[in-house]
Protein backbone atom coordinates (compact mmCIF):
# COMPACT_ATOMS: atom_id res chain seq x y z
CA MET A 1 -49.47 90.83 12.25
CA ARG A 2 -51.01 93.76 14.08
CA SER A 3 -54.69 94.39 13.63
CA VAL A 4 -55.76 97.93 12.97
CA HIS A 5 -58.63 99.25 15.08
CA LEU A 6 -60.50 102.08 13.43
CA SER A 7 -63.15 104.19 15.08
CA ALA A 8 -66.76 103.76 14.03
CA HIS A 9 -66.68 107.20 12.42
CA THR A 10 -63.57 106.34 10.38
CA ARG A 11 -65.10 103.04 9.22
CA THR A 12 -68.31 104.81 8.21
CA VAL A 13 -66.45 107.47 6.25
CA ALA A 14 -64.26 104.83 4.57
CA SER A 15 -67.34 102.79 3.63
CA TRP A 16 -69.02 105.89 2.26
CA ALA A 17 -65.93 106.76 0.20
CA VAL A 18 -65.83 103.24 -1.26
CA LEU A 19 -69.53 103.45 -2.16
CA VAL A 20 -69.05 106.84 -3.85
CA ALA A 21 -66.01 105.59 -5.79
CA ILE A 22 -67.86 102.49 -7.01
CA THR A 23 -70.84 104.64 -8.01
CA LEU A 24 -68.58 106.95 -10.03
CA VAL A 25 -66.86 104.02 -11.76
CA SER A 26 -70.24 102.46 -12.58
CA TRP A 27 -71.51 105.76 -13.95
CA LEU A 28 -68.40 106.20 -16.10
CA LEU A 29 -68.76 102.68 -17.47
CA GLY A 30 -72.40 103.33 -18.29
CA HIS A 31 -71.65 106.59 -20.07
CA SER A 32 -68.49 105.53 -21.87
CA GLY A 33 -70.01 106.13 -25.31
CA VAL A 34 -68.80 102.81 -26.69
CA HIS A 35 -71.50 100.83 -28.44
CA ARG A 36 -69.70 97.66 -29.58
CA GLN A 37 -71.53 94.60 -28.29
CA THR A 38 -68.53 92.96 -26.57
CA VAL A 39 -67.47 96.15 -24.81
CA VAL A 40 -71.03 96.85 -23.69
CA GLY A 41 -71.31 93.27 -22.36
CA VAL A 42 -68.09 93.52 -20.39
CA ALA A 43 -69.10 96.92 -19.02
CA THR A 44 -72.50 95.57 -17.97
CA ILE A 45 -71.00 92.58 -16.17
CA THR A 46 -68.47 94.88 -14.50
CA VAL A 47 -71.27 97.13 -13.27
CA LEU A 48 -73.12 94.09 -11.92
CA VAL A 49 -70.01 92.92 -10.04
CA LEU A 50 -69.52 96.43 -8.64
CA THR A 51 -73.16 96.42 -7.54
CA VAL A 52 -72.57 93.23 -5.56
CA VAL A 53 -69.50 94.80 -3.96
CA LYS A 54 -71.61 97.83 -3.01
CA ALA A 55 -74.30 95.59 -1.55
CA ARG A 56 -71.67 93.78 0.52
CA VAL A 57 -70.27 97.07 1.84
CA VAL A 58 -73.78 98.21 2.80
CA LEU A 59 -74.58 94.87 4.45
CA ARG A 60 -71.32 94.71 6.37
CA SER A 61 -70.98 98.37 7.34
CA PHE A 62 -74.44 99.86 7.65
CA MET A 63 -76.61 96.83 8.45
CA GLU A 64 -74.14 95.50 11.05
CA VAL A 65 -73.78 92.10 9.37
CA GLY A 66 -70.03 92.48 9.80
CA ALA A 67 -70.47 92.30 13.57
CA GLY A 68 -72.92 89.41 13.33
CA PRO A 69 -72.27 85.70 13.63
CA ARG A 70 -70.15 83.89 11.08
CA TRP A 71 -73.14 82.05 9.56
CA LEU A 72 -74.82 85.40 8.83
CA ARG A 73 -71.70 86.86 7.19
CA TRP A 74 -71.16 83.75 5.09
CA GLY A 75 -74.87 83.46 4.30
CA THR A 76 -75.10 87.02 2.98
CA ASP A 77 -71.90 86.56 0.97
CA LEU A 78 -73.25 83.32 -0.50
CA TRP A 79 -76.59 84.99 -1.27
CA LEU A 80 -74.83 87.84 -3.11
CA LEU A 81 -72.64 85.39 -5.04
CA VAL A 82 -75.62 83.24 -6.11
CA LEU A 83 -77.55 86.37 -7.08
CA LEU A 84 -74.64 87.60 -9.18
CA VAL A 85 -74.18 84.25 -10.92
CA VAL A 86 -77.89 84.00 -11.73
CA ILE A 87 -78.15 87.56 -13.06
CA VAL A 88 -74.95 87.32 -15.14
CA GLY A 89 -76.05 83.90 -16.37
CA LEU A 90 -79.42 85.24 -17.48
CA TYR A 91 -77.76 88.27 -19.07
CA THR A 92 -75.26 86.23 -21.07
CA TRP A 93 -77.70 83.47 -22.04
């Protein structure tokens, strides 16, 4: 399999586009106008998951964690996962 090498500018623009898309999806979920408890709960958890994805993009792309050592990449991913599980657990409890 060939690896694709993108320029720093292209990676930055792609990261920015992903962040904008996730923001728009989160905004649409928040302003969907549906007020049933189950739908609101699913939308809230979806927004929380999207927030973790955004945080990972920011950490990897703009804070240079992606170019860091493996332990740092895994550590930040684990931290985000634990944070998500705790927040969703508190929300659903």
